Amino acid sequence: MGKKRIVEENQNEEPEEVQEVIAKADNKKQKKIAKNQNKISKDVDFISFLKEDIRFLIQHRNKENEEKQQKAEEVYNKIEGILYQIAQTKIGGRTIQLVIKCADQNIRQQIFSKLLNDKQFGELLQSKYGHYIGITMVRNMIPEFRNQFFEILLKNANHYVAQGDASIVLDRFLTREATTQQINKVKQLFLNHSEKIDNLAMKIIEKGIHNHLLSLQILKVALPNLVPEERQKVIEYFQQLENLDYLRHKDGISIFCAVLNVTDKKERKNFLKNIQTYMQQSQEHLHRNSQFYLALQKVIFTYDDTKQVNKSILQDILPEWLNSIHVFKIIQSIYQPKLRDDIKFDTIGLQNTVSLKDDEIRIQELQDYCFESILNSLQSSETNILLESNINQFICYFIQYIIKYQKVQALDFIKEQIKQLLYFKVDTIFSREVEQNGNYWILTQPEAQRIAKCIIQQQQIAQGEFNEIINNYCQKIKSLLIQNLKVTLISKAIYLLLALIENTNLKEQVLQDVKKNKKWIDKLEKTQSLQILYKYI
């Protein structure tokens, strides 16, 4: 029986090699448990060690008093020797943040110096709790350490930009503390398309950190070259209503333009609907944000479905065109071609159109939609448009549109402008002799002269009743300028005289009247405008 039991026990035993593996694993497990218990014990000791101090700082962190600063100094003196040992723990990291926030400038300088001059600082910014210290340092940045902080970020930018925790520190610094030169220096690393850019873009998409400053830059560069599946993820993210806050700053507008350039008709329609909702929800804030209106301009000038644009955008903003400088600029750009070609827009992709419709047709459709609303608001406005320089310039292009497309609804508007140009009076710097004539408005006011010249230039293209009105107007302007020829020739009113010569059928009559006075004209100072006139006489 004894022999039999011994045999059975030997059969149940594990082989020696297996027992050795099990023993090693068990030993490793016990060491890990002991290490964790030791760590917990240290944290407990640390909390116990500074419990009352930390509680005091938490309670007083938003108050301004010397006691808070003194307590922060006491805490710093206790943790100075173990700063990096505790920085990557939850309670340790929070304690360092509290000290930075509550301490006086001297203690902050000591903490900044100790952290930034340690080789581990770059790694600290990538850790779960350490990166919060970096964020707190950015919020409480000391000017003398700004460049040193930046150089560490720049050195690690290629790695930080797609690393969740460190990317937050990098973005906070660039958006809150960096100079324009520093921002451009970092951006230079990600300007040109490469395999590295594509890899970073995919990491950014995977981690959902699209909205950071450098993320926007990288995604913009990578977008045209991403595989369709990855590109679709970018489009879906940036067109979602809850993510549209990026439209409030320049780099956001830049990625918006890039995304819009690679979307199809259905995606652009969804984009437009979300933008309309976003406008309605955020109207109070957006009227002060110039960047958002660049996004609207991008849509307006690149979207084929002008009816949808009218319904989703122009319908909502048109009533504010005289009250909001940003809306005014949009309406201005619809009627003024030079503004649409502005090079500033080119840098953010406004010229990269996705439209298949002829540009002139699309613009005319937009102009036609805005016309009636603009006309009504101008006619009912209490502001004298001849005195407002910006509106005054816009009126010139609006008049050109009216004459070109024979908008007969605007006949009364044109008549009113002519009436004001010929008979409106204001104070003048010229002599009483000029005032006695009664018609000196267009002789002295640049704003009036601008519109007067514009109307003169329309004589040769005006048709029907418009032609009759403008012909009559040109005759009156000619008489007024010749009657006050001396004032005309020494002021900017001379350009009206030149406009009559160059753009109307009154050229010979004007030149004949001017030549009668050539003797005393020869005695005048030869200004640039007078030299132009001399070419004709």
Protein backbone atom coordinates (compact mmCIF):
# COMPACT_ATOMS: atom_id res chain seq x y z
CA MET A 1 0.00 0.00 0.00
CA GLY A 2 2.82 2.45 0.95
CA LYS A 3 4.61 1.87 -2.33
CA LYS A 4 1.38 2.33 -4.26
CA ARG A 5 0.66 5.74 -2.56
CA ILE A 6 4.21 7.00 -3.30
CA VAL A 7 3.80 6.09 -6.98
CA GLU A 8 0.44 7.91 -7.18
CA GLU A 9 1.91 11.06 -5.56
CA ASN A 10 4.84 11.07 -7.99
CA GLN A 11 2.40 10.77 -10.90
CA ASN A 12 0.37 13.80 -9.66
CA GLU A 13 3.44 16.08 -9.32
CA GLU A 14 4.18 18.65 -12.14
CA PRO A 15 7.41 18.16 -14.07
CA GLU A 16 10.36 20.07 -12.65
CA GLU A 17 10.58 22.58 -15.58
CA VAL A 18 6.92 23.47 -15.28
CA GLN A 19 7.26 23.97 -11.55
CA GLU A 20 10.19 26.32 -12.16
CA VAL A 21 8.16 28.48 -14.62
CA ILE A 22 5.24 28.61 -12.19
CA ALA A 23 7.53 29.60 -9.34
CA LYS A 24 9.09 32.44 -11.40
CA ALA A 25 5.66 33.77 -12.42
CA ASP A 26 4.43 33.59 -8.82
CA ASN A 27 7.54 35.41 -7.62
CA LYS A 28 7.06 38.16 -10.24
CA LYS A 29 3.43 38.53 -9.22
CA GLN A 30 4.36 38.88 -5.55
CA LYS A 31 6.97 41.55 -6.38
CA LYS A 32 4.39 43.52 -8.42
CA ILE A 33 1.91 43.36 -5.54
CA ALA A 34 4.60 44.51 -3.13
CA LYS A 35 5.60 47.36 -5.47
CA ASN A 36 1.99 48.55 -5.81
CA GLN A 37 1.48 48.34 -2.07
CA ASN A 38 4.68 50.34 -1.60
CA LYS A 39 3.46 52.96 -4.13
CA ILE A 40 0.07 53.17 -2.42
CA SER A 41 1.84 53.49 0.91
CA LYS A 42 4.01 56.33 -0.45
CA ASP A 43 0.95 58.14 -1.86
CA VAL A 44 -0.86 57.70 1.44
CA ASP A 45 2.19 59.00 3.30
CA PHE A 46 2.46 61.90 0.86
CA ILE A 47 -1.22 62.80 1.26
CA SER A 48 -0.93 62.51 5.01
CA PHE A 49 2.31 64.52 4.99
CA LEU A 50 0.74 67.50 3.14
CA LYS A 51 -2.95 66.91 3.78
CA GLU A 52 -3.69 70.14 5.64
CA ASP A 53 -1.46 72.27 3.39
CA ILE A 54 -3.10 70.95 0.21
CA ARG A 55 -6.57 71.48 1.65
CA PHE A 56 -5.69 75.09 2.51
CA LEU A 57 -4.36 75.80 -1.00
CA ILE A 58 -7.45 74.28 -2.62
CA GLN A 59 -9.71 76.48 -0.50
CA HIS A 60 -7.72 79.67 -1.17
CA ARG A 61 -6.44 79.10 -4.73
CA ASN A 62 -8.75 81.74 -6.26
CA LYS A 63 -8.14 84.34 -3.54
CA GLU A 64 -5.45 86.97 -3.39
CA ASN A 65 -3.67 86.93 -0.03
CA GLU A 66 -0.16 86.63 1.41
CA GLU A 67 -1.09 83.64 3.58
CA LYS A 68 -1.82 81.61 0.44
CA GLN A 69 1.56 82.52 -1.06
CA GLN A 70 3.32 81.71 2.21
CA LYS A 71 1.63 78.30 2.42
CA ALA A 72 2.57 77.58 -1.22
CA GLU A 73 6.19 78.38 -0.36
CA GLU A 74 6.08 75.99 2.61
CA VAL A 75 4.71 73.20 0.41
CA TYR A 76 7.37 73.85 -2.24
CA ASN A 77 10.14 73.62 0.36
CA LYS A 78 8.78 70.22 1.42
CA ILE A 79 8.53 68.77 -2.11
CA GLU A 80 11.48 70.50 -3.81
CA GLY A 81 13.75 67.46 -3.42
CA ILE A 82 11.17 64.98 -4.77
CA LEU A 83 9.61 67.16 -7.44
CA TYR A 84 10.08 64.71 -10.32
CA GLN A 85 9.32 61.63 -8.20
CA ILE A 86 5.82 62.95 -7.43
CA ALA A 87 5.16 64.84 -10.72
CA GLN A 88 3.79 61.79 -12.53
CA THR A 89 1.44 60.73 -9.73
CA LYS A 90 -2.10 62.04 -9.50
CA ILE A 91 -1.85 63.75 -6.11
CA GLY A 92 1.74 64.86 -6.69
CA GLY A 93 0.91 66.47 -10.03
CA ARG A 94 -2.05 68.31 -8.52
CA THR A 95 0.10 69.56 -5.66
CA ILE A 96 2.69 71.02 -8.06
CA GLN A 97 -0.11 72.69 -10.03
CA LEU A 98 -1.49 74.24 -6.84
CA VAL A 99 1.92 75.57 -5.84
CA ILE A 100 2.46 77.14 -9.30
CA LYS A 101 -0.94 78.79 -9.15
CA CYS A 102 -0.74 80.01 -5.52
CA ALA A 103 2.94 80.91 -5.12
CA ASP A 104 4.50 84.33 -5.56
CA GLN A 105 6.71 85.14 -8.56
CA ASN A 106 9.92 84.09 -6.81
CA ILE A 107 8.72 80.56 -6.01
CA ARG A 108 7.21 80.19 -9.49
CA GLN A 109 10.55 81.10 -11.01
CA GLN A 110 12.25 78.41 -8.91
CA ILE A 111 9.70 75.76 -9.99
CA PHE A 112 9.92 76.76 -13.67
CA SER A 113 13.71 76.68 -13.54
CA LYS A 114 13.83 73.29 -11.81
CA LEU A 115 11.31 71.69 -14.18
CA LEU A 116 12.55 73.18 -17.46
CA ASN A 117 16.21 72.47 -16.78
CA ASP A 118 15.61 68.80 -16.06
CA LYS A 119 16.13 66.39 -18.97
CA GLN A 120 12.95 64.54 -18.00
CA PHE A 121 10.69 67.55 -18.68
CA GLY A 122 10.06 66.53 -22.29
CA GLU A 123 8.88 63.10 -21.12
CA LEU A 124 6.86 64.62 -18.28
CA LEU A 125 4.64 66.47 -20.78
CA GLN A 126 3.68 63.12 -22.36
CA SER A 127 2.52 61.52 -19.11
CA LYS A 128 -1.05 61.17 -17.90
CA TYR A 129 -0.67 63.53 -14.92
CA GLY A 130 2.51 65.37 -15.87
CA HIS A 131 0.95 67.10 -18.88
CA TYR A 132 -1.44 68.92 -16.52
CA ILE A 133 1.62 70.55 -14.95
CA GLY A 134 2.62 71.74 -18.44
CA ILE A 135 -0.85 73.23 -18.99
CA THR A 136 -0.67 75.03 -15.62
CA MET A 137 2.75 76.41 -16.54
CA VAL A 138 1.31 77.79 -19.79
CA ARG A 139 -1.56 79.44 -17.90
CA ASN A 140 0.89 81.02 -15.45
CA MET A 141 3.75 81.58 -17.89
CA ILE A 142 6.72 83.64 -16.72
CA PRO A 143 8.00 85.73 -19.67
CA GLU A 144 11.67 84.96 -19.06
CA PHE A 145 10.99 81.21 -19.46
CA ARG A 146 8.71 81.48 -22.52
CA ASN A 147 11.44 80.90 -25.11
CA GLN A 148 12.94 77.97 -23.17
CA PHE A 149 9.50 76.36 -22.92
CA PHE A 150 8.96 76.90 -26.64
CA GLU A 151 12.32 75.37 -27.62
CA ILE A 152 11.44 72.16 -25.74
CA LEU A 153 8.08 72.00 -27.53
CA LEU A 154 9.70 72.73 -30.90
CA LYS A 155 12.31 70.01 -30.40
CA ASN A 156 9.59 67.43 -29.72
CA ALA A 157 6.85 68.85 -31.98
CA ASN A 158 6.94 65.97 -34.50
CA HIS A 159 6.18 63.54 -31.68
CA TYR A 160 3.92 65.73 -29.53
CA VAL A 161 1.56 66.77 -32.32
CA ALA A 162 -0.14 63.36 -32.49
CA GLN A 163 0.44 62.28 -28.88
CA GLY A 164 -2.77 62.82 -26.91
CA ASP A 165 -1.49 64.41 -23.67
CA ALA A 166 1.51 66.35 -25.00
CA SER A 167 -0.51 67.66 -27.97
CA ILE A 168 -2.76 69.54 -25.51
CA VAL A 169 0.22 71.31 -23.93
CA LEU A 170 1.64 72.15 -27.36
CA ASP A 171 -1.69 73.53 -28.56
CA ARG A 172 -2.30 75.58 -25.41
CA PHE A 173 1.12 77.20 -25.70
CA LEU A 174 0.70 78.00 -29.42
CA THR A 175 -2.77 79.48 -29.00
CA ARG A 176 -2.13 81.40 -25.76
CA GLU A 177 1.53 82.27 -25.37
CA ALA A 178 3.42 81.88 -28.63
CA THR A 179 4.45 84.83 -30.77
CA THR A 180 3.49 84.89 -34.45
CA GLN A 181 7.10 84.11 -35.30
CA GLN A 182 7.09 81.05 -33.02
CA ILE A 183 3.81 79.78 -34.49
CA ASN A 184 5.16 80.12 -38.02
CA LYS A 185 8.38 78.36 -37.02
CA VAL A 186 6.44 75.30 -35.81
CA LYS A 187 4.13 75.36 -38.82
CA GLN A 188 7.15 75.24 -41.12
CA LEU A 189 7.69 71.65 -39.94
CA PHE A 190 4.36 70.61 -41.46
CA LEU A 191 3.98 72.76 -44.57
CA ASN A 192 4.80 70.27 -47.33
CA HIS A 193 3.14 66.98 -48.10
CA SER A 194 5.13 63.86 -47.25
CA GLU A 195 4.66 60.34 -45.94
CA LYS A 196 5.30 61.72 -42.44
CA ILE A 197 2.38 64.14 -42.85
CA ASP A 198 0.06 61.32 -43.93
CA ASN A 199 1.09 59.17 -40.95
CA LEU A 200 0.56 62.04 -38.53
CA ALA A 201 -2.82 62.80 -40.10
CA MET A 202 -4.00 59.22 -39.58
CA LYS A 203 -2.86 59.30 -35.93
CA ILE A 204 -4.70 62.59 -35.42
CA ILE A 205 -7.86 61.11 -36.95
CA GLU A 206 -7.53 57.97 -34.83
CA LYS A 207 -7.11 59.94 -31.57
CA GLY A 208 -9.77 62.53 -32.41
CA ILE A 209 -7.56 65.60 -31.87
CA HIS A 210 -8.65 67.34 -35.10
CA ASN A 211 -9.17 70.77 -33.59
CA HIS A 212 -5.65 71.60 -32.42
CA LEU A 213 -3.82 74.33 -34.32
CA LEU A 214 -1.17 72.03 -35.81
CA SER A 215 -3.73 69.26 -36.40
CA LEU A 216 -5.64 71.63 -38.67
CA GLN A 217 -2.43 72.44 -40.54
CA ILE A 218 -1.48 68.77 -40.99
CA LEU A 219 -4.96 67.67 -42.03
CA LYS A 220 -5.18 70.50 -44.58
CA VAL A 221 -1.90 69.42 -46.21
CA ALA A 222 -2.71 65.70 -46.07
CA LEU A 223 -6.39 65.87 -47.07
CA PRO A 224 -6.08 65.71 -50.89
CA ASN A 225 -3.78 62.67 -50.62
CA LEU A 226 -5.51 60.63 -47.92
CA VAL A 227 -7.13 57.35 -48.90
CA PRO A 228 -10.92 57.81 -49.38
CA GLU A 229 -11.77 56.06 -46.12
CA GLU A 230 -9.54 58.35 -44.01
CA ARG A 231 -10.58 61.44 -45.96
CA GLN A 232 -14.22 60.62 -45.29
CA LYS A 233 -13.54 60.53 -41.54
CA VAL A 234 -12.09 64.06 -41.75
CA ILE A 235 -15.07 65.36 -43.75
CA GLU A 236 -17.55 63.79 -41.33
CA TYR A 237 -15.81 65.31 -38.32
CA PHE A 238 -15.59 68.85 -39.67
CA GLN A 239 -19.14 69.01 -41.00
CA GLN A 240 -20.77 67.94 -37.72
CA LEU A 241 -22.74 70.74 -36.08
CA GLU A 242 -21.17 70.24 -32.64
CA ASN A 243 -17.65 70.72 -34.10
CA LEU A 244 -18.23 73.94 -36.06
CA ASP A 245 -16.58 76.24 -33.50
CA TYR A 246 -13.39 75.87 -35.55
CA LEU A 247 -14.97 78.32 -38.02
CA ARG A 248 -14.21 81.15 -35.61
CA HIS A 249 -10.49 81.36 -36.30
CA LYS A 250 -8.25 81.64 -39.35
CA ASP A 251 -6.70 78.17 -39.26
CA GLY A 252 -10.17 76.71 -38.90
CA ILE A 253 -11.33 78.58 -42.01
CA SER A 254 -8.30 77.21 -43.82
CA ILE A 255 -9.22 73.55 -43.12
CA PHE A 256 -12.87 74.37 -43.89
CA CYS A 257 -11.88 75.56 -47.36
CA ALA A 258 -9.73 72.46 -47.88
CA VAL A 259 -12.56 70.15 -46.79
CA LEU A 260 -15.13 71.93 -48.95
CA ASN A 261 -12.86 71.50 -51.96
CA VAL A 262 -12.95 67.66 -51.67
CA THR A 263 -16.63 67.19 -50.82
CA ASP A 264 -19.33 66.04 -53.22
CA LYS A 265 -22.69 67.72 -53.81
CA LYS A 266 -24.53 65.77 -51.10
CA GLU A 267 -21.84 66.43 -48.49
CA ARG A 268 -21.80 70.14 -49.27
CA LYS A 269 -25.56 70.29 -48.86
CA ASN A 270 -25.30 68.72 -45.39
CA PHE A 271 -22.46 71.10 -44.59
CA LEU A 272 -24.63 74.07 -45.57
CA LYS A 273 -27.57 72.93 -43.42
CA ASN A 274 -25.33 72.58 -40.37
CA ILE A 275 -23.76 75.99 -40.98
CA GLN A 276 -27.22 77.56 -41.15
CA THR A 277 -28.18 75.95 -37.82
CA TYR A 278 -24.85 77.01 -36.31
CA MET A 279 -25.44 80.60 -37.44
CA GLN A 280 -28.88 80.66 -35.85
CA GLN A 281 -27.63 79.15 -32.58
CA SER A 282 -24.54 81.36 -32.27
CA GLN A 283 -25.74 84.62 -33.81
CA GLU A 284 -24.91 86.78 -30.78
CA HIS A 285 -21.25 85.74 -30.89
CA LEU A 286 -20.73 85.45 -34.64
CA HIS A 287 -21.57 89.06 -35.50
CA ARG A 288 -18.28 90.00 -33.82
CA ASN A 289 -16.23 87.28 -35.50
CA SER A 290 -14.69 88.26 -38.82
CA GLN A 291 -13.24 84.80 -39.60
CA PHE A 292 -16.62 83.07 -39.66
CA TYR A 293 -17.81 85.36 -42.44
CA LEU A 294 -14.88 84.27 -44.60
CA ALA A 295 -16.32 80.76 -44.38
CA LEU A 296 -19.65 82.11 -45.59
CA GLN A 297 -17.91 83.82 -48.49
CA LYS A 298 -16.23 80.56 -49.42
CA VAL A 299 -19.62 78.85 -49.61
CA ILE A 300 -21.29 81.73 -51.45
CA PHE A 301 -18.67 81.92 -54.19
CA THR A 302 -18.05 78.20 -54.74
CA TYR A 303 -21.44 76.55 -54.31
CA ASP A 304 -23.40 75.86 -57.51
CA ASP A 305 -26.83 75.71 -55.89
CA THR A 306 -27.34 79.45 -55.45
CA LYS A 307 -30.98 78.90 -54.40
CA GLN A 308 -29.77 76.81 -51.48
CA VAL A 309 -27.14 79.45 -50.64
CA ASN A 310 -29.80 82.16 -50.72
CA LYS A 311 -32.09 80.14 -48.49
CA SER A 312 -29.46 78.92 -46.03
CA ILE A 313 -27.17 81.96 -45.73
CA LEU A 314 -28.19 85.18 -47.46
CA GLN A 315 -31.78 85.05 -46.27
CA ASP A 316 -30.58 85.07 -42.65
CA ILE A 317 -27.85 87.71 -42.90
CA LEU A 318 -29.25 90.20 -45.46
CA PRO A 319 -31.37 92.17 -42.94
CA GLU A 320 -28.16 93.03 -41.06
CA TRP A 321 -26.10 94.20 -44.01
CA LEU A 322 -26.15 97.89 -43.01
CA ASN A 323 -25.67 97.15 -39.29
CA SER A 324 -22.91 94.52 -39.33
CA ILE A 325 -19.52 95.28 -40.87
CA HIS A 326 -18.96 91.56 -41.54
CA VAL A 327 -22.28 91.06 -43.34
CA PHE A 328 -21.65 94.30 -45.24
CA LYS A 329 -18.33 92.90 -46.50
CA ILE A 330 -20.07 89.78 -47.81
CA ILE A 331 -22.71 91.80 -49.68
CA GLN A 332 -19.99 94.17 -50.87
CA SER A 333 -17.99 91.27 -52.30
CA ILE A 334 -21.05 90.03 -54.23
CA TYR A 335 -21.19 93.31 -56.17
CA GLN A 336 -17.49 94.29 -56.15
CA PRO A 337 -15.27 91.89 -58.16
CA LYS A 338 -12.03 93.27 -56.71
CA LEU A 339 -12.98 92.12 -53.24
CA ARG A 340 -13.58 88.56 -54.47
CA ASP A 341 -10.08 88.51 -55.93
CA ASP A 342 -8.44 89.83 -52.78
CA ILE A 343 -5.12 88.02 -52.25
CA LYS A 344 -5.86 87.64 -48.52
CA PHE A 345 -8.62 85.20 -49.42
CA ASP A 346 -6.28 83.22 -51.64
CA THR A 347 -4.08 82.20 -48.72
CA ILE A 348 -6.94 80.30 -47.11
CA GLY A 349 -8.24 78.64 -50.23
CA LEU A 350 -11.18 80.81 -51.23
CA GLN A 351 -10.02 80.81 -54.84
CA ASN A 352 -10.01 77.00 -55.04
CA THR A 353 -13.56 76.79 -56.28
CA VAL A 354 -15.59 73.59 -56.38
CA SER A 355 -18.17 75.20 -58.66
CA LEU A 356 -18.95 73.92 -62.14
CA LYS A 357 -21.29 76.81 -62.92
CA ASP A 358 -20.00 79.80 -64.89
CA ASP A 359 -18.77 82.41 -62.43
CA GLU A 360 -20.65 85.31 -64.03
CA ILE A 361 -23.94 83.40 -64.01
CA ARG A 362 -23.56 82.36 -60.37
CA ILE A 363 -22.65 85.91 -59.28
CA GLN A 364 -25.58 87.43 -61.14
CA GLU A 365 -27.97 84.99 -59.45
CA LEU A 366 -26.63 86.08 -56.07
CA GLN A 367 -26.87 89.76 -57.02
CA ASP A 368 -30.46 89.34 -58.22
CA TYR A 369 -31.44 87.70 -54.95
CA CYS A 370 -29.93 90.51 -52.84
CA PHE A 371 -31.08 93.37 -55.06
CA GLU A 372 -34.57 94.06 -53.75
CA SER A 373 -33.60 93.82 -50.08
CA ILE A 374 -30.64 96.17 -50.57
CA LEU A 375 -32.68 98.67 -52.58
CA ASN A 376 -35.43 98.81 -49.95
CA SER A 377 -32.97 99.25 -47.08
CA LEU A 378 -31.11 102.05 -48.91
CA GLN A 379 -34.32 103.89 -49.70
CA SER A 380 -35.56 103.63 -46.12
CA SER A 381 -32.22 104.29 -44.42
CA GLU A 382 -31.86 107.51 -42.44
CA THR A 383 -28.11 107.50 -43.08
CA ASN A 384 -27.02 109.75 -45.92
CA ILE A 385 -25.12 107.35 -48.17
CA LEU A 386 -23.20 110.22 -49.76
CA LEU A 387 -21.44 110.84 -46.45
CA GLU A 388 -20.56 107.23 -45.55
CA SER A 389 -17.32 106.32 -47.31
CA ASN A 390 -17.68 102.49 -47.25
CA ILE A 391 -21.33 102.51 -48.30
CA ASN A 392 -20.52 105.17 -50.82
CA GLN A 393 -18.02 102.89 -52.58
CA PHE A 394 -20.51 100.04 -52.55
CA ILE A 395 -23.21 102.29 -54.07
CA CYS A 396 -21.03 102.82 -57.15
CA TYR A 397 -20.96 99.08 -57.88
CA PHE A 398 -24.64 98.76 -57.05
CA ILE A 399 -25.44 101.50 -59.58
CA GLN A 400 -23.34 99.71 -62.23
CA TYR A 401 -25.38 96.55 -61.61
CA ILE A 402 -28.67 98.50 -61.87
CA ILE A 403 -27.71 100.11 -65.19
CA LYS A 404 -26.14 96.95 -66.68
CA TYR A 405 -29.21 94.76 -66.04
CA GLN A 406 -31.78 97.60 -66.42
CA LYS A 407 -33.37 97.18 -63.01
CA VAL A 408 -36.28 99.59 -63.61
CA GLN A 409 -37.41 99.16 -59.99
CA ALA A 410 -34.41 101.31 -59.09
CA LEU A 411 -35.26 104.30 -61.33
CA ASP A 412 -36.45 106.38 -58.39
CA PHE A 413 -33.32 105.47 -56.45
CA ILE A 414 -31.07 106.69 -59.30
CA LYS A 415 -33.11 109.90 -59.62
CA GLU A 416 -32.73 110.54 -55.88
CA GLN A 417 -28.95 110.09 -56.02
CA ILE A 418 -28.72 112.54 -58.94
CA LYS A 419 -30.91 115.04 -57.13
CA GLN A 420 -28.71 114.92 -54.02
CA LEU A 421 -25.53 115.18 -56.09
CA LEU A 422 -26.75 118.32 -57.84
CA TYR A 423 -28.50 120.20 -55.06
CA PHE A 424 -27.40 118.98 -51.64
CA LYS A 425 -25.41 121.54 -49.61
CA VAL A 426 -22.91 121.22 -46.76
CA ASP A 427 -20.18 123.40 -45.24
CA THR A 428 -17.29 124.01 -47.58
CA ILE A 429 -13.69 125.16 -47.30
CA PHE A 430 -14.05 127.29 -50.43
CA SER A 431 -14.89 131.00 -50.61
CA ARG A 432 -18.36 132.60 -50.33
CA GLU A 433 -18.21 133.26 -54.07
CA VAL A 434 -18.48 129.51 -54.59
CA GLU A 435 -21.23 129.16 -51.97
CA GLN A 436 -23.40 131.75 -53.69
CA ASN A 437 -23.65 129.50 -56.72
CA GLY A 438 -25.51 126.95 -54.59
CA ASN A 439 -24.27 123.87 -56.46
CA TYR A 440 -20.89 123.20 -54.84
CA TRP A 441 -21.62 119.74 -53.33
CA ILE A 442 -19.87 117.71 -56.02
CA LEU A 443 -17.12 120.32 -56.31
CA THR A 444 -15.88 119.79 -52.77
CA GLN A 445 -16.92 116.36 -51.45
CA PRO A 446 -14.87 113.26 -52.51
CA GLU A 447 -17.73 110.88 -51.60
CA ALA A 448 -20.15 112.76 -53.84
CA GLN A 449 -17.56 112.96 -56.61
CA ARG A 450 -17.11 109.17 -56.51
CA ILE A 451 -20.80 108.51 -57.19
CA ALA A 452 -21.03 111.38 -59.67
CA LYS A 453 -18.14 109.92 -61.69
CA CYS A 454 -19.70 106.45 -61.55
CA ILE A 455 -22.98 107.72 -63.02
CA ILE A 456 -21.13 109.63 -65.76
CA GLN A 457 -19.29 106.42 -66.74
CA GLN A 458 -22.60 104.61 -67.28
CA GLN A 459 -23.80 106.96 -70.04
CA GLN A 460 -22.60 104.86 -72.95
CA ILE A 461 -24.13 101.59 -71.69
CA ALA A 462 -27.37 102.99 -70.24
CA GLN A 463 -30.53 102.15 -72.18
CA GLY A 464 -34.17 103.22 -72.20
CA GLU A 465 -35.26 105.57 -69.44
CA PHE A 466 -31.90 105.19 -67.71
CA ASN A 467 -30.19 106.62 -70.78
CA GLU A 468 -32.49 109.63 -70.78
CA ILE A 469 -31.93 110.33 -67.07
CA ILE A 470 -28.15 110.01 -67.27
CA ASN A 471 -27.87 112.13 -70.44
CA ASN A 472 -29.77 114.90 -68.70
CA TYR A 473 -27.60 114.50 -65.62
CA CYS A 474 -24.36 114.74 -67.63
CA GLN A 475 -25.54 117.97 -69.25
CA LYS A 476 -26.20 119.51 -65.84
CA ILE A 477 -22.87 118.32 -64.45
CA LYS A 478 -21.08 119.80 -67.47
CA SER A 479 -22.77 123.16 -66.96
CA LEU A 480 -21.96 123.18 -63.27
CA LEU A 481 -18.28 122.31 -63.81
CA ILE A 482 -17.78 124.88 -66.58
CA GLN A 483 -19.54 127.62 -64.58
CA ASN A 484 -17.15 126.91 -61.70
CA LEU A 485 -14.16 126.03 -63.89
CA LYS A 486 -11.52 127.53 -61.60
CA VAL A 487 -12.71 125.55 -58.59
CA THR A 488 -13.09 122.48 -60.79
CA LEU A 489 -9.51 122.61 -62.05
CA ILE A 490 -7.88 123.11 -58.65
CA SER A 491 -9.91 120.39 -56.90
CA LYS A 492 -10.67 116.72 -57.47
CA ALA A 493 -13.76 117.80 -59.39
CA ILE A 494 -11.41 117.89 -62.39
CA TYR A 495 -11.78 114.12 -62.56
CA LEU A 496 -15.50 114.60 -63.29
CA LEU A 497 -14.52 116.84 -66.18
CA LEU A 498 -12.15 114.13 -67.44
CA ALA A 499 -14.90 111.50 -67.04
CA LEU A 500 -17.19 113.59 -69.27
CA ILE A 501 -14.43 113.79 -71.88
CA GLU A 502 -13.49 110.09 -71.76
CA ASN A 503 -16.89 108.39 -71.24
CA THR A 504 -19.65 110.49 -72.82
CA ASN A 505 -20.73 112.05 -76.10
CA LEU A 506 -20.13 115.50 -74.59
CA LYS A 507 -16.40 115.39 -75.21
CA GLU A 508 -16.26 118.06 -77.95
CA GLN A 509 -18.56 120.47 -76.06
CA VAL A 510 -16.48 120.18 -72.88
CA LEU A 511 -13.16 120.68 -74.70
CA GLN A 512 -14.52 123.69 -76.58
CA ASP A 513 -15.60 125.38 -73.33
CA VAL A 514 -12.29 124.60 -71.62
CA LYS A 515 -10.18 125.93 -74.52
CA LYS A 516 -11.94 129.31 -74.24
CA ASN A 517 -10.21 129.73 -70.88
CA LYS A 518 -6.80 128.35 -71.86
CA LYS A 519 -4.96 131.61 -71.17
CA TRP A 520 -5.60 131.68 -67.45
CA ILE A 521 -5.50 127.86 -67.25
CA ASP A 522 -1.87 128.03 -68.45
CA LYS A 523 -1.03 130.04 -65.31
CA LEU A 524 -2.28 127.32 -62.93
CA GLU A 525 0.05 124.89 -61.20
CA LYS A 526 0.55 121.85 -63.41
CA THR A 527 -0.91 119.12 -61.22
CA GLN A 528 -1.04 115.51 -62.41
CA SER A 529 -4.75 115.77 -63.21
CA LEU A 530 -4.27 119.05 -65.09
CA GLN A 531 -1.52 117.47 -67.17
CA ILE A 532 -4.00 114.76 -68.21
CA LEU A 533 -6.45 117.48 -69.29
CA TYR A 534 -3.71 119.19 -71.31
CA LYS A 535 -3.41 116.06 -73.45
CA TYR A 536 -6.90 116.79 -74.75
CA ILE A 537 -6.64 120.57 -75.17
